[in-house]
Structures are given as structure tokens and as C-alpha cells.
Amino acid sequence: MEMQRFGDVFDAIATSPAEAASLKARADVMSAIIDRVRSWDDTQQTAAKRLGITRPRLNDLMRGKIGKFSLDALVDIATAAGLDIKIGIEAAKAA
């Protein structure tokens, strides 16, 4: 069996470069939201209310269930958390 090497876990599990890019972007935004929510030192119920989502939805986010969130939803939540979103674009590295 031939060993494959990947740049990161998202490249390994994604079925396309576009899917890997989406996973990476969602993971970055999710991580920033999680850090912000933890900094509040609130209950999940209070934090969920601040973000305009349900407590079970916040629980999914805090557990890193990336498949349950679109990039659009995460951008909305990040904005509600008082985070600014900046998108960086660069040419892909040659394989």
C-alpha cells in the first residue's frame, strides 16, 4: 500500500480541494468563536442568548461539531460574538 502525505487533516478527509478549503475556513471561525465564548465565563444558556442561538446549538459548536455548521452560519455567530471576519485569499501552492 502506497503511503499518502497531506498538508493537514482537512486535506486528508476532504474529497476535493474546495471541500478542504471550506473545512479549514469553518474550523478557523469556529475556533475563534469558541475562544470568545470561553472568555465570557458565562453559562451556556447565557452565551447562547448573547449569540442568538439555542443552547443545544451552542453545545454543538463548543464540541467542535463542524459538520453541523455552514460557513454562513458561523460568520453570523461570530458577528454576534463581536468578532470581525477578514478573508484572506492567495494562490494555491503547486502540488
PDB file of N, CA and C in Angstrom:
ATOM      1  N   MET A   1       0.841  -1.171   0.000  1.00  0.00           N
ATOM      2  CA  MET A   1       0.000   0.000   0.000  1.00  0.00           C
ATOM      3  C   MET A   1       0.891   1.241   0.000  1.00  0.00           C
ATOM      4  N   GLU A   2       0.587   2.169  -0.886  1.00  0.00           N
ATOM      5  CA  GLU A   2       1.368   3.399  -1.001  1.00  0.00           C
ATOM      6  C   GLU A   2       0.921   4.399   0.059  1.00  0.00           C
ATOM      7  N   MET A   3       1.899   5.015   0.728  1.00  0.00           N
ATOM      8  CA  MET A   3       1.619   5.997   1.776  1.00  0.00           C
ATOM      9  C   MET A   3       1.371   7.358   1.141  1.00  0.00           C
ATOM     10  N   GLN A   4       0.292   8.021   1.548  1.00  0.00           N
ATOM     11  CA  GLN A   4      -0.007   9.353   1.053  1.00  0.00           C
ATOM     12  C   GLN A   4       0.339  10.375   2.126  1.00  0.00           C
ATOM     13  N   ARG A   5       0.777  11.548   1.707  1.00  0.00           N
ATOM     14  CA  ARG A   5       1.068  12.640   2.633  1.00  0.00           C
ATOM     15  C   ARG A   5       0.133  13.799   2.314  1.00  0.00           C
ATOM     16  N   PHE A   6      -0.344  14.438   3.376  1.00  0.00           N
ATOM     17  CA  PHE A   6      -1.272  15.553   3.240  1.00  0.00           C
ATOM     18  C   PHE A   6      -0.753  16.742   4.031  1.00  0.00           C
ATOM     19  N   GLY A   7      -1.161  17.935   3.590  1.00  0.00           N
ATOM     20  CA  GLY A   7      -0.755  19.156   4.268  1.00  0.00           C
ATOM     21  C   GLY A   7      -1.344  19.272   5.657  1.00  0.00           C
ATOM     22  N   ASP A   8      -2.572  18.802   5.815  1.00  0.00           N
ATOM     23  CA  ASP A   8      -3.236  18.804   7.113  1.00  0.00           C
ATOM     24  C   ASP A   8      -4.397  17.812   7.084  1.00  0.00           C
ATOM     25  N   VAL A   9      -5.063  17.680   8.186  1.00  0.00           N
ATOM     26  CA  VAL A   9      -6.136  16.691   8.315  1.00  0.00           C
ATOM     27  C   VAL A   9      -7.286  16.983   7.353  1.00  0.00           C
ATOM     28  N   PHE A  10      -7.545  18.259   7.075  1.00  0.00           N
ATOM     29  CA  PHE A  10      -8.653  18.593   6.181  1.00  0.00           C
ATOM     30  C   PHE A  10      -8.374  18.139   4.756  1.00  0.00           C
ATOM     31  N   ASP A  11      -7.134  18.251   4.327  1.00  0.00           N
ATOM     32  CA  ASP A  11      -6.773  17.745   3.004  1.00  0.00           C
ATOM     33  C   ASP A  11      -6.945  16.225   2.940  1.00  0.00           C
ATOM     34  N   ALA A  12      -6.702  15.567   4.064  1.00  0.00           N
ATOM     35  CA  ALA A  12      -6.795  14.107   4.107  1.00  0.00           C
ATOM     36  C   ALA A  12      -8.245  13.612   4.073  1.00  0.00           C
ATOM     37  N   ILE A  13      -9.143  14.326   4.731  1.00  0.00           N
ATOM     38  CA  ILE A  13     -10.522  13.820   4.832  1.00  0.00           C
ATOM     39  C   ILE A  13     -11.459  14.382   3.765  1.00  0.00           C
ATOM     40  N   ALA A  14     -11.077  15.466   3.124  1.00  0.00           N
ATOM     41  CA  ALA A  14     -11.939  16.091   2.116  1.00  0.00           C
ATOM     42  C   ALA A  14     -11.865  15.331   0.798  1.00  0.00           C
ATOM     43  N   THR A  15     -12.941  15.412   0.051  1.00  0.00           N
ATOM     44  CA  THR A  15     -12.983  14.736  -1.246  1.00  0.00           C
ATOM     45  C   THR A  15     -12.534  15.649  -2.387  1.00  0.00           C
ATOM     46  N   SER A  16     -12.323  16.934  -2.076  1.00  0.00           N
ATOM     47  CA  SER A  16     -11.866  17.885  -3.091  1.00  0.00           C
ATOM     48  C   SER A  16     -11.134  19.033  -2.410  1.00  0.00           C
ATOM     49  N   PRO A  17     -10.317  19.755  -3.160  1.00  0.00           N
ATOM     50  CA  PRO A  17      -9.660  20.940  -2.595  1.00  0.00           C
ATOM     51  C   PRO A  17     -10.665  21.982  -2.090  1.00  0.00           C
ATOM     52  N   ALA A  18     -11.792  22.123  -2.780  1.00  0.00           N
ATOM     53  CA  ALA A  18     -12.810  23.085  -2.356  1.00  0.00           C
ATOM     54  C   ALA A  18     -13.405  22.692  -1.010  1.00  0.00           C
ATOM     55  N   GLU A  19     -13.670  21.406  -0.833  1.00  0.00           N
ATOM     56  CA  GLU A  19     -14.212  20.937   0.443  1.00  0.00           C
ATOM     57  C   GLU A  19     -13.193  21.132   1.558  1.00  0.00           C
ATOM     58  N   ALA A  20     -11.928  20.876   1.289  1.00  0.00           N
ATOM     59  CA  ALA A  20     -10.870  21.088   2.290  1.00  0.00           C
ATOM     60  C   ALA A  20     -10.794  22.555   2.677  1.00  0.00           C
ATOM     61  N   ALA A  21     -10.896  23.455   1.701  1.00  0.00           N
ATOM     62  CA  ALA A  21     -10.851  24.891   1.981  1.00  0.00           C
ATOM     63  C   ALA A  21     -12.032  25.314   2.846  1.00  0.00           C
ATOM     64  N   SER A  22     -13.206  24.776   2.559  1.00  0.00           N
ATOM     65  CA  SER A  22     -14.390  25.086   3.360  1.00  0.00           C
ATOM     66  C   SER A  22     -14.224  24.591   4.799  1.00  0.00           C
ATOM     67  N   LEU A  23     -13.727  23.384   4.955  1.00  0.00           N
ATOM     68  CA  LEU A  23     -13.495  22.838   6.298  1.00  0.00           C
ATOM     69  C   LEU A  23     -12.495  23.684   7.073  1.00  0.00           C
ATOM     70  N   LYS A  24     -11.427  24.100   6.413  1.00  0.00           N
ATOM     71  CA  LYS A  24     -10.407  24.928   7.080  1.00  0.00           C
ATOM     72  C   LYS A  24     -11.005  26.262   7.522  1.00  0.00           C
ATOM     73  N   ALA A  25     -11.766  26.890   6.631  1.00  0.00           N
ATOM     74  CA  ALA A  25     -12.373  28.177   6.970  1.00  0.00           C
ATOM     75  C   ALA A  25     -13.352  28.031   8.133  1.00  0.00           C
ATOM     76  N   ARG A  26     -14.181  27.000   8.079  1.00  0.00           N
ATOM     77  CA  ARG A  26     -15.144  26.787   9.163  1.00  0.00           C
ATOM     78  C   ARG A  26     -14.428  26.499  10.473  1.00  0.00           C
ATOM     79  N   ALA A  27     -13.362  25.712  10.434  1.00  0.00           N
ATOM     80  CA  ALA A  27     -12.609  25.402  11.647  1.00  0.00           C
ATOM     81  C   ALA A  27     -11.982  26.658  12.251  1.00  0.00           C
ATOM     82  N   ASP A  28     -11.451  27.539  11.410  1.00  0.00           N
ATOM     83  CA  ASP A  28     -10.850  28.781  11.904  1.00  0.00           C
ATOM     84  C   ASP A  28     -11.886  29.671  12.584  1.00  0.00           C
ATOM     85  N   VAL A  29     -13.036  29.831  11.937  1.00  0.00           N
ATOM     86  CA  VAL A  29     -14.082  30.683  12.515  1.00  0.00           C
ATOM     87  C   VAL A  29     -14.631  30.044  13.786  1.00  0.00           C
ATOM     88  N   MET A  30     -14.848  28.738  13.751  1.00  0.00           N
ATOM     89  CA  MET A  30     -15.367  28.042  14.924  1.00  0.00           C
ATOM     90  C   MET A  30     -14.416  28.181  16.110  1.00  0.00           C
ATOM     91  N   SER A  31     -13.140  28.036  15.865  1.00  0.00           N
ATOM     92  CA  SER A  31     -12.146  28.153  16.931  1.00  0.00           C
ATOM     93  C   SER A  31     -12.168  29.546  17.559  1.00  0.00           C
ATOM     94  N   ALA A  32     -12.296  30.574  16.727  1.00  0.00           N
ATOM     95  CA  ALA A  32     -12.353  31.942  17.247  1.00  0.00           C
ATOM     96  C   ALA A  32     -13.606  32.155  18.098  1.00  0.00           C
ATOM     97  N   ILE A  33     -14.726  31.612  17.665  1.00  0.00           N
ATOM     98  CA  ILE A  33     -15.970  31.736  18.432  1.00  0.00           C
ATOM     99  C   ILE A  33     -15.825  31.026  19.769  1.00  0.00           C
ATOM    100  N   ILE A  34     -15.296  29.821  19.754  1.00  0.00           N
ATOM    101  CA  ILE A  34     -15.120  29.058  20.990  1.00  0.00           C
ATOM    102  C   ILE A  34     -14.243  29.832  21.973  1.00  0.00           C
ATOM    103  N   ASP A  35     -13.139  30.384  21.484  1.00  0.00           N
ATOM    104  CA  ASP A  35     -12.261  31.180  22.347  1.00  0.00           C
ATOM    105  C   ASP A  35     -13.010  32.364  22.946  1.00  0.00           C
ATOM    106  N   ARG A  36     -13.817  33.039  22.117  1.00  0.00           N
ATOM    107  CA  ARG A  36     -14.573  34.206  22.611  1.00  0.00           C
ATOM    108  C   ARG A  36     -15.580  33.789  23.668  1.00  0.00           C
ATOM    109  N   VAL A  37     -16.330  32.724  23.416  1.00  0.00           N
ATOM    110  CA  VAL A  37     -17.349  32.270  24.368  1.00  0.00           C
ATOM    111  C   VAL A  37     -16.696  31.870  25.687  1.00  0.00           C
ATOM    112  N   ARG A  38     -15.579  31.172  25.630  1.00  0.00           N
ATOM    113  CA  ARG A  38     -14.877  30.782  26.868  1.00  0.00           C
ATOM    114  C   ARG A  38     -14.405  32.005  27.655  1.00  0.00           C
ATOM    115  N   SER A  39     -14.044  33.076  26.952  1.00  0.00           N
ATOM    116  CA  SER A  39     -13.565  34.280  27.633  1.00  0.00           C
ATOM    117  C   SER A  39     -14.678  34.994  28.402  1.00  0.00           C
ATOM    118  N   TRP A  40     -15.927  34.733  28.035  1.00  0.00           N
ATOM    119  CA  TRP A  40     -17.046  35.381  28.707  1.00  0.00           C
ATOM    120  C   TRP A  40     -17.296  34.840  30.100  1.00  0.00           C
ATOM    121  N   ASP A  41     -16.940  33.604  30.361  1.00  0.00           N
ATOM    122  CA  ASP A  41     -17.205  32.972  31.655  1.00  0.00           C
ATOM    123  C   ASP A  41     -18.699  33.021  32.000  1.00  0.00           C
ATOM    124  N   ASP A  42     -19.536  32.771  30.985  1.00  0.00           N
ATOM    125  CA  ASP A  42     -20.991  32.714  31.150  1.00  0.00           C
ATOM    126  C   ASP A  42     -21.449  31.264  31.136  1.00  0.00           C
ATOM    127  N   THR A  43     -22.684  31.056  31.555  1.00  0.00           N
ATOM    128  CA  THR A  43     -23.288  29.737  31.371  1.00  0.00           C
ATOM    129  C   THR A  43     -23.563  29.571  29.880  1.00  0.00           C
ATOM    130  N   GLN A  44     -23.743  28.319  29.453  1.00  0.00           N
ATOM    131  CA  GLN A  44     -24.067  28.097  28.041  1.00  0.00           C
ATOM    132  C   GLN A  44     -25.390  28.758  27.681  1.00  0.00           C
ATOM    133  N   GLN A  45     -26.332  28.759  28.586  1.00  0.00           N
ATOM    134  CA  GLN A  45     -27.630  29.382  28.297  1.00  0.00           C
ATOM    135  C   GLN A  45     -27.464  30.872  28.037  1.00  0.00           C
ATOM    136  N   THR A  46     -26.691  31.542  28.880  1.00  0.00           N
ATOM    137  CA  THR A  46     -26.465  32.982  28.714  1.00  0.00           C
ATOM    138  C   THR A  46     -25.665  33.268  27.447  1.00  0.00           C
ATOM    139  N   ALA A  47     -24.628  32.471  27.198  1.00  0.00           N
ATOM    140  CA  ALA A  47     -23.810  32.655  25.990  1.00  0.00           C
ATOM    141  C   ALA A  47     -24.645  32.424  24.739  1.00  0.00           C
ATOM    142  N   ALA A  48     -25.478  31.396  24.744  1.00  0.00           N
ATOM    143  CA  ALA A  48     -26.337  31.112  23.591  1.00  0.00           C
ATOM    144  C   ALA A  48     -27.261  32.285  23.315  1.00  0.00           C
ATOM    145  N   LYS A  49     -27.817  32.854  24.369  1.00  0.00           N
ATOM    146  CA  LYS A  49     -28.712  34.002  24.202  1.00  0.00           C
ATOM    147  C   LYS A  49     -27.954  35.183  23.601  1.00  0.00           C
ATOM    148  N   ARG A  50     -26.723  35.422  24.053  1.00  0.00           N
ATOM    149  CA  ARG A  50     -25.904  36.516  23.501  1.00  0.00           C
ATOM    150  C   ARG A  50     -25.651  36.309  22.001  1.00  0.00           C
ATOM    151  N   LEU A  51     -25.524  35.052  21.602  1.00  0.00           N
ATOM    152  CA  LEU A  51     -25.223  34.729  20.205  1.00  0.00           C
ATOM    153  C   LEU A  51     -26.470  34.581  19.339  1.00  0.00           C
ATOM    154  N   GLY A  52     -27.637  34.551  19.965  1.00  0.00           N
ATOM    155  CA  GLY A  52     -28.879  34.396  19.212  1.00  0.00           C
ATOM    156  C   GLY A  52     -29.109  32.986  18.706  1.00  0.00           C
ATOM    157  N   ILE A  53     -28.580  31.994  19.439  1.00  0.00           N
ATOM    158  CA  ILE A  53     -28.770  30.584  19.073  1.00  0.00           C
ATOM    159  C   ILE A  53     -29.268  29.824  20.292  1.00  0.00           C
ATOM    160  N   THR A  54     -29.681  28.596  20.075  1.00  0.00           N
ATOM    161  CA  THR A  54     -30.154  27.772  21.195  1.00  0.00           C
ATOM    162  C   THR A  54     -28.969  27.186  21.963  1.00  0.00           C
ATOM    163  N   ARG A  55     -29.229  26.774  23.195  1.00  0.00           N
ATOM    164  CA  ARG A  55     -28.183  26.155  23.988  1.00  0.00           C
ATOM    165  C   ARG A  55     -27.687  24.866  23.355  1.00  0.00           C
ATOM    166  N   PRO A  56     -28.563  23.998  22.813  1.00  0.00           N
ATOM    167  CA  PRO A  56     -28.045  22.799  22.146  1.00  0.00           C
ATOM    168  C   PRO A  56     -27.157  23.138  20.936  1.00  0.00           C
ATOM    169  N   ARG A  57     -27.501  24.201  20.213  1.00  0.00           N
ATOM    170  CA  ARG A  57     -26.682  24.620  19.068  1.00  0.00           C
ATOM    171  C   ARG A  57     -25.313  25.107  19.556  1.00  0.00           C
ATOM    172  N   LEU A  58     -25.293  25.857  20.651  1.00  0.00           N
ATOM    173  CA  LEU A  58     -24.024  26.301  21.225  1.00  0.00           C
ATOM    174  C   LEU A  58     -23.211  25.102  21.700  1.00  0.00           C
ATOM    175  N   ASN A  59     -23.869  24.133  22.281  1.00  0.00           N
ATOM    176  CA  ASN A  59     -23.174  22.928  22.733  1.00  0.00           C
ATOM    177  C   ASN A  59     -22.504  22.220  21.557  1.00  0.00           C
ATOM    178  N   ASP A  60     -23.197  22.117  20.425  1.00  0.00           N
ATOM    179  CA  ASP A  60     -22.596  21.524  19.225  1.00  0.00           C
ATOM    180  C   ASP A  60     -21.366  22.316  18.795  1.00  0.00           C
ATOM    181  N   LEU A  61     -21.474  23.635  18.842  1.00  0.00           N
ATOM    182  CA  LEU A  61     -20.353  24.476  18.457  1.00  0.00           C
ATOM    183  C   LEU A  61     -19.164  24.267  19.400  1.00  0.00           C
ATOM    184  N   MET A  62     -19.427  24.281  20.698  1.00  0.00           N
ATOM    185  CA  MET A  62     -18.361  24.157  21.698  1.00  0.00           C
ATOM    186  C   MET A  62     -17.686  22.788  21.638  1.00  0.00           C
ATOM    187  N   ARG A  63     -18.389  21.789  21.132  1.00  0.00           N
ATOM    188  CA  ARG A  63     -17.817  20.447  20.981  1.00  0.00           C
ATOM    189  C   ARG A  63     -17.144  20.252  19.622  1.00  0.00           C
ATOM    190  N   GLY A  64     -17.122  21.307  18.821  1.00  0.00           N
ATOM    191  CA  GLY A  64     -16.417  21.259  17.545  1.00  0.00           C
ATOM    192  C   GLY A  64     -17.102  20.442  16.471  1.00  0.00           C
ATOM    193  N   LYS A  65     -18.407  20.345  16.521  1.00  0.00           N
ATOM    194  CA  LYS A  65     -19.150  19.561  15.525  1.00  0.00           C
ATOM    195  C   LYS A  65     -19.275  20.376  14.239  1.00  0.00           C
ATOM    196  N   ILE A  66     -18.175  20.434  13.523  1.00  0.00           N
ATOM    197  CA  ILE A  66     -18.044  21.299  12.349  1.00  0.00           C
ATOM    198  C   ILE A  66     -19.055  20.981  11.258  1.00  0.00           C
ATOM    199  N   GLY A  67     -19.439  19.728  11.122  1.00  0.00           N
ATOM    200  CA  GLY A  67     -20.387  19.326  10.089  1.00  0.00           C
ATOM    201  C   GLY A  67     -21.779  19.875  10.285  1.00  0.00           C
ATOM    202  N   LYS A  68     -22.079  20.395  11.458  1.00  0.00           N
ATOM    203  CA  LYS A  68     -23.411  20.920  11.737  1.00  0.00           C
ATOM    204  C   LYS A  68     -23.527  22.414  11.429  1.00  0.00           C
ATOM    205  N   PHE A  69     -22.432  23.017  10.938  1.00  0.00           N
ATOM    206  CA  PHE A  69     -22.422  24.460  10.722  1.00  0.00           C
ATOM    207  C   PHE A  69     -21.934  24.807   9.324  1.00  0.00           C
ATOM    208  N   SER A  70     -22.683  25.647   8.649  1.00  0.00           N
ATOM    209  CA  SER A  70     -22.214  26.197   7.375  1.00  0.00           C
ATOM    210  C   SER A  70     -21.299  27.381   7.687  1.00  0.00           C
ATOM    211  N   LEU A  71     -20.524  27.781   6.713  1.00  0.00           N
ATOM    212  CA  LEU A  71     -19.674  28.955   6.891  1.00  0.00           C
ATOM    213  C   LEU A  71     -20.536  30.191   7.138  1.00  0.00           C
ATOM    214  N   ASP A  72     -21.650  30.294   6.437  1.00  0.00           N
ATOM    215  CA  ASP A  72     -22.553  31.437   6.640  1.00  0.00           C
ATOM    216  C   ASP A  72     -23.052  31.506   8.087  1.00  0.00           C
ATOM    217  N   ALA A  73     -23.473  30.375   8.622  1.00  0.00           N
ATOM    218  CA  ALA A  73     -23.966  30.345   9.999  1.00  0.00           C
ATOM    219  C   ALA A  73     -22.863  30.747  10.979  1.00  0.00           C
ATOM    220  N   LEU A  74     -21.654  30.252  10.746  1.00  0.00           N
ATOM    221  CA  LEU A  74     -20.541  30.586  11.640  1.00  0.00           C
ATOM    222  C   LEU A  74     -20.176  32.065  11.559  1.00  0.00           C
ATOM    223  N   VAL A  75     -20.255  32.650  10.365  1.00  0.00           N
ATOM    224  CA  VAL A  75     -19.997  34.086  10.225  1.00  0.00           C
ATOM    225  C   VAL A  75     -21.048  34.876  11.005  1.00  0.00           C
ATOM    226  N   ASP A  76     -22.309  34.466  10.926  1.00  0.00           N
ATOM    227  CA  ASP A  76     -23.368  35.138  11.676  1.00  0.00           C
ATOM    228  C   ASP A  76     -23.112  35.051  13.180  1.00  0.00           C
ATOM    229  N   ILE A  77     -22.735  33.879  13.655  1.00  0.00           N
ATOM    230  CA  ILE A  77     -22.473  33.682  15.080  1.00  0.00           C
ATOM    231  C   ILE A  77     -21.245  34.485  15.514  1.00  0.00           C
ATOM    232  N   ALA A  78     -20.212  34.482  14.695  1.00  0.00           N
ATOM    233  CA  ALA A  78     -19.001  35.239  15.016  1.00  0.00           C
ATOM    234  C   ALA A  78     -19.309  36.732  15.125  1.00  0.00           C
ATOM    235  N   THR A  79     -20.129  37.227  14.225  1.00  0.00           N
ATOM    236  CA  THR A  79     -20.515  38.637  14.264  1.00  0.00           C
ATOM    237  C   THR A  79     -21.285  38.943  15.548  1.00  0.00           C
ATOM    238  N   ALA A  80     -22.200  38.052  15.920  1.00  0.00           N
ATOM    239  CA  ALA A  80     -22.951  38.228  17.165  1.00  0.00           C
ATOM    240  C   ALA A  80     -22.024  38.188  18.378  1.00  0.00           C
ATOM    241  N   ALA A  81     -20.911  37.481  18.257  1.00  0.00           N
ATOM    242  CA  ALA A  81     -19.936  37.384  19.347  1.00  0.00           C
ATOM    243  C   ALA A  81     -19.010  38.601  19.394  1.00  0.00           C
ATOM    244  N   GLY A  82     -19.190  39.528  18.446  1.00  0.00           N
ATOM    245  CA  GLY A  82     -18.362  40.720  18.426  1.00  0.00           C
ATOM    246  C   GLY A  82     -17.027  40.525  17.729  1.00  0.00           C
ATOM    247  N   LEU A  83     -16.955  39.544  16.848  1.00  0.00           N
ATOM    248  CA  LEU A  83     -15.729  39.283  16.101  1.00  0.00           C
ATOM    249  C   LEU A  83     -15.845  39.869  14.700  1.00  0.00           C
ATOM    250  N   ASP A  84     -14.744  40.391  14.185  1.00  0.00           N
ATOM    251  CA  ASP A  84     -14.679  40.856  12.803  1.00  0.00           C
ATOM    252  C   ASP A  84     -14.120  39.738  11.951  1.00  0.00           C
ATOM    253  N   ILE A  85     -14.731  39.508  10.802  1.00  0.00           N
ATOM    254  CA  ILE A  85     -14.280  38.464   9.889  1.00  0.00           C
ATOM    255  C   ILE A  85     -13.479  39.116   8.767  1.00  0.00           C
ATOM    256  N   LYS A  86     -12.303  38.585   8.513  1.00  0.00           N
ATOM    257  CA  LYS A  86     -11.482  39.021   7.407  1.00  0.00           C
ATOM    258  C   LYS A  86     -11.124  37.774   6.592  1.00  0.00           C
ATOM    259  N   ILE A  87     -11.278  37.858   5.287  1.00  0.00           N
ATOM    260  CA  ILE A  87     -10.991  36.716   4.426  1.00  0.00           C
ATOM    261  C   ILE A  87      -9.682  36.967   3.701  1.00  0.00           C
ATOM    262  N   GLY A  88      -8.795  35.990   3.757  1.00  0.00           N
ATOM    263  CA  GLY A  88      -7.526  36.083   3.051  1.00  0.00           C
ATOM    264  C   GLY A  88      -7.523  35.142   1.853  1.00  0.00           C
ATOM    265  N   ILE A  89      -7.083  35.654   0.735  1.00  0.00           N
ATOM    266  CA  ILE A  89      -7.060  34.869  -0.484  1.00  0.00           C
ATOM    267  C   ILE A  89      -5.622  34.881  -1.030  1.00  0.00           C
ATOM    268  N   GLU A  90      -5.142  33.718  -1.418  1.00  0.00           N
ATOM    269  CA  GLU A  90      -3.819  33.635  -2.028  1.00  0.00           C
ATOM    270  C   GLU A  90      -3.810  32.515  -3.043  1.00  0.00           C
ATOM    271  N   ALA A  91      -2.850  32.526  -3.922  1.00  0.00           N
ATOM    272  CA  ALA A  91      -2.734  31.474  -4.930  1.00  0.00           C
ATOM    273  C   ALA A  91      -2.432  30.141  -4.242  1.00  0.00           C
ATOM    274  N   ALA A  92      -3.031  29.079  -4.773  1.00  0.00           N
ATOM    275  CA  ALA A  92      -2.798  27.743  -4.232  1.00  0.00           C
ATOM    276  C   ALA A  92      -1.352  27.321  -4.500  1.00  0.00           C
ATOM    277  N   LYS A  93      -0.816  26.555  -3.580  1.00  0.00           N
ATOM    278  CA  LYS A  93       0.540  26.011  -3.763  1.00  0.00           C
ATOM    279  C   LYS A  93       0.492  24.873  -4.755  1.00  0.00           C
ATOM    280  N   ALA A  94       1.456  24.784  -5.597  1.00  0.00           N
ATOM    281  CA  ALA A  94       1.538  23.692  -6.575  1.00  0.00           C
ATOM    282  C   ALA A  94       1.753  22.372  -5.863  1.00  0.00           C
ATOM    283  N   ALA A  95       1.101  21.343  -6.346  1.00  0.00           N
ATOM    284  CA  ALA A  95       1.214  20.015  -5.718  1.00  0.00           C
ATOM    285  C   ALA A  95       2.528  19.375  -6.008  1.00  0.00           C
TER     286      ALA A  95
END
